[in-house]
Structures are given as structure tokens and as C-alpha cells.
PDB file of N, CA and C in Angstrom:
ATOM      1  N   UNK A   1      -0.440  -2.876 -17.983  1.00  0.00           N
ATOM      2  CA  UNK A   1      -1.408  -1.690 -17.655  1.00  0.00           C
ATOM      3  C   UNK A   1      -0.479  -0.542 -17.958  1.00  0.00           C
ATOM      4  N   UNK A   2      -1.323   0.424 -18.894  1.00  0.00           N
ATOM      5  CA  UNK A   2      -0.642   1.670 -19.205  1.00  0.00           C
ATOM      6  C   UNK A   2      -1.094   2.776 -18.563  1.00  0.00           C
ATOM      7  N   UNK A   3      -0.608   3.723 -18.250  1.00  0.00           N
ATOM      8  CA  UNK A   3      -0.622   4.891 -17.418  1.00  0.00           C
ATOM      9  C   UNK A   3      -0.905   6.079 -18.642  1.00  0.00           C
ATOM     10  N   UNK A   4      -1.925   6.559 -18.174  1.00  0.00           N
ATOM     11  CA  UNK A   4      -2.526   7.855 -18.800  1.00  0.00           C
ATOM     12  C   UNK A   4      -1.598   9.127 -18.760  1.00  0.00           C
ATOM     13  N   UNK A   5      -0.880   9.675 -19.392  1.00  0.00           N
ATOM     14  CA  UNK A   5      -0.027  10.866 -19.227  1.00  0.00           C
ATOM     15  C   UNK A   5      -0.447  11.969 -18.315  1.00  0.00           C
ATOM     16  N   UNK A   6      -1.761  12.150 -18.618  1.00  0.00           N
ATOM     17  CA  UNK A   6      -2.708  13.281 -18.141  1.00  0.00           C
ATOM     18  C   UNK A   6      -2.729  12.921 -16.820  1.00  0.00           C
ATOM     19  N   UNK A   7      -2.403  12.224 -16.262  1.00  0.00           N
ATOM     20  CA  UNK A   7      -2.939  11.670 -14.764  1.00  0.00           C
ATOM     21  C   UNK A   7      -1.410  11.686 -14.046  1.00  0.00           C
ATOM     22  N   UNK A   8      -0.746  11.770 -14.617  1.00  0.00           N
ATOM     23  CA  UNK A   8       0.862  12.014 -14.102  1.00  0.00           C
ATOM     24  C   UNK A   8       1.227  13.635 -13.617  1.00  0.00           C
ATOM     25  N   UNK A   9       1.410  13.452 -12.248  1.00  0.00           N
ATOM     26  CA  UNK A   9       1.846  14.845 -11.541  1.00  0.00           C
ATOM     27  C   UNK A   9       3.363  14.947 -11.246  1.00  0.00           C
ATOM     28  N   UNK A  10       3.885  15.837 -11.324  1.00  0.00           N
ATOM     29  CA  UNK A  10       5.314  16.015 -11.194  1.00  0.00           C
ATOM     30  C   UNK A  10       5.634  17.377 -10.384  1.00  0.00           C
ATOM     31  N   UNK A  11       6.379  17.179  -9.469  1.00  0.00           N
ATOM     32  CA  UNK A  11       6.778  18.110  -8.081  1.00  0.00           C
ATOM     33  C   UNK A  11       8.124  18.387  -8.050  1.00  0.00           C
ATOM     34  N   UNK A  12       8.781  19.470  -7.509  1.00  0.00           N
ATOM     35  CA  UNK A  12       9.893  19.751  -7.148  1.00  0.00           C
ATOM     36  C   UNK A  12       9.750  20.045  -5.656  1.00  0.00           C
ATOM     37  N   UNK A  13      10.555  19.302  -4.699  1.00  0.00           N
ATOM     38  CA  UNK A  13      10.057  19.141  -3.301  1.00  0.00           C
ATOM     39  C   UNK A  13      11.525  19.562  -2.579  1.00  0.00           C
ATOM     40  N   UNK A  14      11.158  19.596  -1.212  1.00  0.00           N
ATOM     41  CA  UNK A  14      12.439  19.419  -0.158  1.00  0.00           C
ATOM     42  C   UNK A  14      12.459  18.169   0.625  1.00  0.00           C
ATOM     43  N   UNK A  15      12.224  17.160   0.088  1.00  0.00           N
ATOM     44  CA  UNK A  15      12.250  15.918   0.811  1.00  0.00           C
ATOM     45  C   UNK A  15      13.961  15.749   0.563  1.00  0.00           C
ATOM     46  N   UNK A  16      14.347  15.521   2.016  1.00  0.00           N
ATOM     47  CA  UNK A  16      15.867  15.320   1.918  1.00  0.00           C
ATOM     48  C   UNK A  16      16.369  13.861   2.275  1.00  0.00           C
ATOM     49  N   UNK A  17      15.863  13.307   3.370  1.00  0.00           N
ATOM     50  CA  UNK A  17      16.153  11.997   3.781  1.00  0.00           C
ATOM     51  C   UNK A  17      15.325  10.792   3.711  1.00  0.00           C
ATOM     52  N   UNK A  18      15.863   9.548   3.678  1.00  0.00           N
ATOM     53  CA  UNK A  18      15.025   8.519   3.391  1.00  0.00           C
ATOM     54  C   UNK A  18      13.893   8.309   4.247  1.00  0.00           C
ATOM     55  N   UNK A  19      14.201   8.830   5.534  1.00  0.00           N
ATOM     56  CA  UNK A  19      13.158   8.351   6.511  1.00  0.00           C
ATOM     57  C   UNK A  19      12.021   9.417   6.213  1.00  0.00           C
ATOM     58  N   UNK A  20      12.256  10.800   5.587  1.00  0.00           N
ATOM     59  CA  UNK A  20      11.211  11.791   5.235  1.00  0.00           C
ATOM     60  C   UNK A  20      10.611  11.042   4.184  1.00  0.00           C
ATOM     61  N   UNK A  21      11.392  10.515   3.103  1.00  0.00           N
ATOM     62  CA  UNK A  21      10.564   9.995   2.047  1.00  0.00           C
ATOM     63  C   UNK A  21       9.584   8.869   2.166  1.00  0.00           C
ATOM     64  N   UNK A  22      10.085   7.973   3.128  1.00  0.00           N
ATOM     65  CA  UNK A  22       9.188   6.538   3.566  1.00  0.00           C
ATOM     66  C   UNK A  22       8.189   7.220   4.364  1.00  0.00           C
ATOM     67  N   UNK A  23       8.003   8.009   5.100  1.00  0.00           N
ATOM     68  CA  UNK A  23       7.015   8.615   5.763  1.00  0.00           C
ATOM     69  C   UNK A  23       5.873   9.335   4.816  1.00  0.00           C
ATOM     70  N   UNK A  24       6.449  10.118   3.793  1.00  0.00           N
ATOM     71  CA  UNK A  24       5.647  10.425   3.103  1.00  0.00           C
ATOM     72  C   UNK A  24       4.792   9.418   2.031  1.00  0.00           C
ATOM     73  N   UNK A  25       5.733   8.806   1.330  1.00  0.00           N
ATOM     74  CA  UNK A  25       5.033   7.756   0.549  1.00  0.00           C
ATOM     75  C   UNK A  25       4.134   6.781   1.137  1.00  0.00           C
ATOM     76  N   UNK A  26       4.346   6.670   2.569  1.00  0.00           N
ATOM     77  CA  UNK A  26       3.507   5.701   3.208  1.00  0.00           C
ATOM     78  C   UNK A  26       2.083   6.107   3.078  1.00  0.00           C
ATOM     79  N   UNK A  27       2.132   7.643   3.697  1.00  0.00           N
ATOM     80  CA  UNK A  27       0.881   8.417   3.801  1.00  0.00           C
ATOM     81  C   UNK A  27       0.260   8.771   2.280  1.00  0.00           C
ATOM     82  N   UNK A  28       1.256   9.041   1.250  1.00  0.00           N
ATOM     83  CA  UNK A  28       0.309   9.040   0.186  1.00  0.00           C
ATOM     84  C   UNK A  28      -0.129   7.513  -0.516  1.00  0.00           C
ATOM     85  N   UNK A  29       0.749   6.838  -0.468  1.00  0.00           N
ATOM     86  CA  UNK A  29       0.606   5.232  -0.849  1.00  0.00           C
ATOM     87  C   UNK A  29      -1.252   4.983  -0.087  1.00  0.00           C
ATOM     88  N   UNK A  30      -1.481   5.601   0.973  1.00  0.00           N
ATOM     89  CA  UNK A  30      -2.713   5.095   1.642  1.00  0.00           C
ATOM     90  C   UNK A  30      -3.914   6.055   1.253  1.00  0.00           C
ATOM     91  N   UNK A  31      -3.462   6.943   0.485  1.00  0.00           N
ATOM     92  CA  UNK A  31      -4.538   8.110  -0.243  1.00  0.00           C
ATOM     93  C   UNK A  31      -5.430   7.111  -1.387  1.00  0.00           C
ATOM     94  N   UNK A  32      -6.523   7.411  -1.415  1.00  0.00           N
ATOM     95  CA  UNK A  32      -7.391   6.721  -2.277  1.00  0.00           C
ATOM     96  C   UNK A  32      -7.422   7.102  -3.572  1.00  0.00           C
ATOM     97  N   UNK A  33      -7.062   8.369  -3.423  1.00  0.00           N
ATOM     98  CA  UNK A  33      -6.798   8.815  -5.026  1.00  0.00           C
ATOM     99  C   UNK A  33      -5.750   9.132  -5.753  1.00  0.00           C
ATOM    100  N   UNK A  34      -4.734   8.180  -5.106  1.00  0.00           N
ATOM    101  CA  UNK A  34      -3.404   7.964  -5.484  1.00  0.00           C
ATOM    102  C   UNK A  34      -2.678   6.727  -5.909  1.00  0.00           C
ATOM    103  N   UNK A  35      -2.506   6.214  -7.171  1.00  0.00           N
ATOM    104  CA  UNK A  35      -2.541   4.834  -7.910  1.00  0.00           C
ATOM    105  C   UNK A  35      -0.928   4.507  -7.665  1.00  0.00           C
ATOM    106  N   UNK A  36      -0.070   5.579  -7.801  1.00  0.00           N
ATOM    107  CA  UNK A  36       1.383   5.190  -7.421  1.00  0.00           C
ATOM    108  C   UNK A  36       2.256   6.609  -7.296  1.00  0.00           C
ATOM    109  N   UNK A  37       3.122   6.479  -6.485  1.00  0.00           N
ATOM    110  CA  UNK A  37       3.842   7.547  -6.200  1.00  0.00           C
ATOM    111  C   UNK A  37       5.213   7.231  -5.986  1.00  0.00           C
ATOM    112  N   UNK A  38       6.292   7.987  -6.141  1.00  0.00           N
ATOM    113  CA  UNK A  38       7.719   7.793  -5.932  1.00  0.00           C
ATOM    114  C   UNK A  38       8.286   9.314  -5.819  1.00  0.00           C
ATOM    115  N   UNK A  39       9.699   9.258  -5.170  1.00  0.00           N
ATOM    116  CA  UNK A  39      10.530  10.520  -4.742  1.00  0.00           C
ATOM    117  C   UNK A  39      11.712   9.792  -5.305  1.00  0.00           C
ATOM    118  N   UNK A  40      12.560  10.708  -6.066  1.00  0.00           N
ATOM    119  CA  UNK A  40      13.882  10.806  -6.286  1.00  0.00           C
ATOM    120  C   UNK A  40      14.494  11.533  -5.666  1.00  0.00           C
ATOM    121  N   UNK A  41      15.369  10.909  -4.703  1.00  0.00           N
ATOM    122  CA  UNK A  41      16.132  12.029  -3.798  1.00  0.00           C
ATOM    123  C   UNK A  41      17.802  12.015  -4.338  1.00  0.00           C
ATOM    124  N   UNK A  42      17.940  11.392  -5.584  1.00  0.00           N
ATOM    125  CA  UNK A  42      19.151  11.480  -6.442  1.00  0.00           C
ATOM    126  C   UNK A  42      19.164  12.958  -6.886  1.00  0.00           C
ATOM    127  N   UNK A  43      17.976  13.173  -7.370  1.00  0.00           N
ATOM    128  CA  UNK A  43      17.845  14.454  -8.399  1.00  0.00           C
ATOM    129  C   UNK A  43      17.698  15.703  -7.313  1.00  0.00           C
ATOM    130  N   UNK A  44      18.352  16.691  -8.151  1.00  0.00           N
ATOM    131  CA  UNK A  44      18.431  18.002  -7.207  1.00  0.00           C
ATOM    132  C   UNK A  44      17.205  18.308  -6.947  1.00  0.00           C
ATOM    133  N   UNK A  45      16.099  18.279  -7.707  1.00  0.00           N
ATOM    134  CA  UNK A  45      14.776  18.704  -7.267  1.00  0.00           C
ATOM    135  C   UNK A  45      14.067  17.977  -6.244  1.00  0.00           C
ATOM    136  N   UNK A  46      14.757  16.713  -5.995  1.00  0.00           N
ATOM    137  CA  UNK A  46      13.722  16.089  -5.135  1.00  0.00           C
ATOM    138  C   UNK A  46      12.585  15.451  -5.787  1.00  0.00           C
ATOM    139  N   UNK A  47      12.663  15.060  -6.977  1.00  0.00           N
ATOM    140  CA  UNK A  47      11.321  14.670  -7.816  1.00  0.00           C
ATOM    141  C   UNK A  47      10.485  14.018  -7.229  1.00  0.00           C
ATOM    142  N   UNK A  48       9.068  14.237  -6.900  1.00  0.00           N
ATOM    143  CA  UNK A  48       7.783  13.904  -6.607  1.00  0.00           C
ATOM    144  C   UNK A  48       6.977  13.279  -7.699  1.00  0.00           C
ATOM    145  N   UNK A  49       6.692  11.970  -8.108  1.00  0.00           N
ATOM    146  CA  UNK A  49       5.754  11.531  -9.348  1.00  0.00           C
ATOM    147  C   UNK A  49       4.922  10.699  -8.584  1.00  0.00           C
ATOM    148  N   UNK A  50       3.575  11.404  -9.107  1.00  0.00           N
ATOM    149  CA  UNK A  50       2.100  10.940  -8.432  1.00  0.00           C
ATOM    150  C   UNK A  50       1.568  10.543  -9.689  1.00  0.00           C
ATOM    151  N   UNK A  51       0.961   9.516  -9.855  1.00  0.00           N
ATOM    152  CA  UNK A  51      -0.150   9.013 -10.856  1.00  0.00           C
ATOM    153  C   UNK A  51      -1.459   8.859 -10.046  1.00  0.00           C
ATOM    154  N   UNK A  52      -2.328   9.993 -10.535  1.00  0.00           N
ATOM    155  CA  UNK A  52      -3.899  10.070  -9.947  1.00  0.00           C
ATOM    156  C   UNK A  52      -4.778  10.668 -11.124  1.00  0.00           C
ATOM    157  N   UNK A  53      -5.749  10.095 -11.469  1.00  0.00           N
ATOM    158  CA  UNK A  53      -6.774  10.562 -12.050  1.00  0.00           C
ATOM    159  C   UNK A  53      -7.960  11.249 -11.743  1.00  0.00           C
ATOM    160  N   UNK A  54      -7.773  11.564 -10.347  1.00  0.00           N
ATOM    161  CA  UNK A  54      -8.581  12.454  -9.609  1.00  0.00           C
ATOM    162  C   UNK A  54      -7.897  13.648  -8.756  1.00  0.00           C
ATOM    163  N   UNK A  55      -6.568  13.842  -8.514  1.00  0.00           N
ATOM    164  CA  UNK A  55      -6.322  14.821  -7.724  1.00  0.00           C
ATOM    165  C   UNK A  55      -5.543  15.846  -8.524  1.00  0.00           C
ATOM    166  N   UNK A  56      -5.642  17.028  -8.300  1.00  0.00           N
ATOM    167  CA  UNK A  56      -5.086  18.027  -9.014  1.00  0.00           C
ATOM    168  C   UNK A  56      -3.813  18.207  -8.471  1.00  0.00           C
ATOM    169  N   UNK A  57      -2.636  18.991  -9.066  1.00  0.00           N
ATOM    170  CA  UNK A  57      -1.617  19.773  -8.535  1.00  0.00           C
ATOM    171  C   UNK A  57      -1.837  20.274  -7.192  1.00  0.00           C
ATOM    172  N   UNK A  58      -2.782  21.493  -7.134  1.00  0.00           N
ATOM    173  CA  UNK A  58      -3.027  21.942  -5.922  1.00  0.00           C
ATOM    174  C   UNK A  58      -3.158  21.429  -4.930  1.00  0.00           C
ATOM    175  N   UNK A  59      -4.161  20.219  -5.068  1.00  0.00           N
ATOM    176  CA  UNK A  59      -4.186  19.315  -3.617  1.00  0.00           C
ATOM    177  C   UNK A  59      -3.015  18.692  -3.508  1.00  0.00           C
ATOM    178  N   UNK A  60      -2.239  18.070  -4.346  1.00  0.00           N
ATOM    179  CA  UNK A  60      -1.241  17.599  -3.527  1.00  0.00           C
ATOM    180  C   UNK A  60      -0.160  18.498  -2.996  1.00  0.00           C
ATOM    181  N   UNK A  61      -0.044  19.718  -3.656  1.00  0.00           N
ATOM    182  CA  UNK A  61       0.791  20.684  -2.971  1.00  0.00           C
ATOM    183  C   UNK A  61       0.190  20.907  -1.741  1.00  0.00           C
ATOM    184  N   UNK A  62      -1.140  20.770  -1.364  1.00  0.00           N
ATOM    185  CA  UNK A  62      -1.825  21.214  -0.134  1.00  0.00           C
ATOM    186  C   UNK A  62      -1.175  19.994   0.700  1.00  0.00           C
ATOM    187  N   UNK A  63      -1.571  18.865   0.211  1.00  0.00           N
ATOM    188  CA  UNK A  63      -1.434  17.652   0.981  1.00  0.00           C
ATOM    189  C   UNK A  63      -0.073  17.677   1.256  1.00  0.00           C
ATOM    190  N   UNK A  64       1.160  17.957   1.026  1.00  0.00           N
ATOM    191  CA  UNK A  64       2.470  18.100   1.131  1.00  0.00           C
ATOM    192  C   UNK A  64       2.667  19.054   2.235  1.00  0.00           C
ATOM    193  N   UNK A  65       2.452  20.519   1.996  1.00  0.00           N
ATOM    194  CA  UNK A  65       2.217  21.325   2.806  1.00  0.00           C
ATOM    195  C   UNK A  65       1.811  21.241   4.046  1.00  0.00           C
ATOM    196  N   UNK A  66       0.732  20.737   4.292  1.00  0.00           N
ATOM    197  CA  UNK A  66      -0.028  20.349   5.684  1.00  0.00           C
ATOM    198  C   UNK A  66       1.050  18.957   6.198  1.00  0.00           C
ATOM    199  N   UNK A  67       2.169  18.315   5.788  1.00  0.00           N
ATOM    200  CA  UNK A  67       3.018  17.627   6.275  1.00  0.00           C
ATOM    201  C   UNK A  67       4.171  18.270   6.489  1.00  0.00           C
ATOM    202  N   UNK A  68       4.101  19.506   6.263  1.00  0.00           N
ATOM    203  CA  UNK A  68       5.614  20.236   6.369  1.00  0.00           C
ATOM    204  C   UNK A  68       6.521  20.187   5.288  1.00  0.00           C
ATOM    205  N   UNK A  69       6.370  19.765   4.209  1.00  0.00           N
ATOM    206  CA  UNK A  69       7.298  19.788   3.204  1.00  0.00           C
ATOM    207  C   UNK A  69       6.801  21.104   2.110  1.00  0.00           C
ATOM    208  N   UNK A  70       7.874  21.616   1.404  1.00  0.00           N
ATOM    209  CA  UNK A  70       7.565  22.840   0.323  1.00  0.00           C
ATOM    210  C   UNK A  70       7.519  22.071  -0.794  1.00  0.00           C
ATOM    211  N   UNK A  71       6.628  22.313  -1.809  1.00  0.00           N
ATOM    212  CA  UNK A  71       6.255  21.500  -3.137  1.00  0.00           C
ATOM    213  C   UNK A  71       5.613  22.313  -4.091  1.00  0.00           C
ATOM    214  N   UNK A  72       6.383  22.232  -5.164  1.00  0.00           N
ATOM    215  CA  UNK A  72       5.947  23.083  -6.513  1.00  0.00           C
ATOM    216  C   UNK A  72       5.775  22.456  -7.589  1.00  0.00           C
ATOM    217  N   UNK A  73       4.863  22.531  -8.384  1.00  0.00           N
ATOM    218  CA  UNK A  73       4.603  22.047  -9.832  1.00  0.00           C
ATOM    219  C   UNK A  73       5.894  22.078 -10.576  1.00  0.00           C
ATOM    220  N   UNK A  74       6.247  20.839 -11.372  1.00  0.00           N
ATOM    221  CA  UNK A  74       7.359  20.918 -12.432  1.00  0.00           C
ATOM    222  C   UNK A  74       6.465  21.077 -13.843  1.00  0.00           C
ATOM    223  N   UNK A  75       7.222  21.995 -14.711  1.00  0.00           N
ATOM    224  CA  UNK A  75       6.124  21.965 -15.978  1.00  0.00           C
ATOM    225  C   UNK A  75       7.498  21.922 -17.037  1.00  0.00           C
TER     226      UNK A  75
END
């Protein structure tokens, strides 16, 4: 299965712990508009990568802010 690169959304976050990561990924994985998601805690930007054909960067930022996280699009 191939992933359309136009559907990959990448963000800088303030996710710091494995517990925060598990909580957030569990919530995002349950979202019907998200096909895949991952967080790289070893990266200085704590990169969140999401594959979604229907959600926008702003929608993802809003979802994370509602959960108490800072999030900004990486370009």
C-alpha cells in the first residue's frame, strides 16, 4: 500500500513523555479521519506525523490544542 504524500501532515509539538505520547496516539488513532499517526520523542521538535486524506493542518492543530498540547505545522 502506498501513501499519497499530499496526505502526510507533519507538526512540531511539545509532547514530552511516553505517557503523553500513548494518550495522544490512542485518541488520534480512534479518529475516523486519521489513517496513521506517530510521534518521534527523540527529535528535538517532537515531530507528530499524521496520514489523513480529509483533515487539514489547522484541524489537527485544533485537536491537539484541545488536548492541552502546543502544535505547529512543519514545512
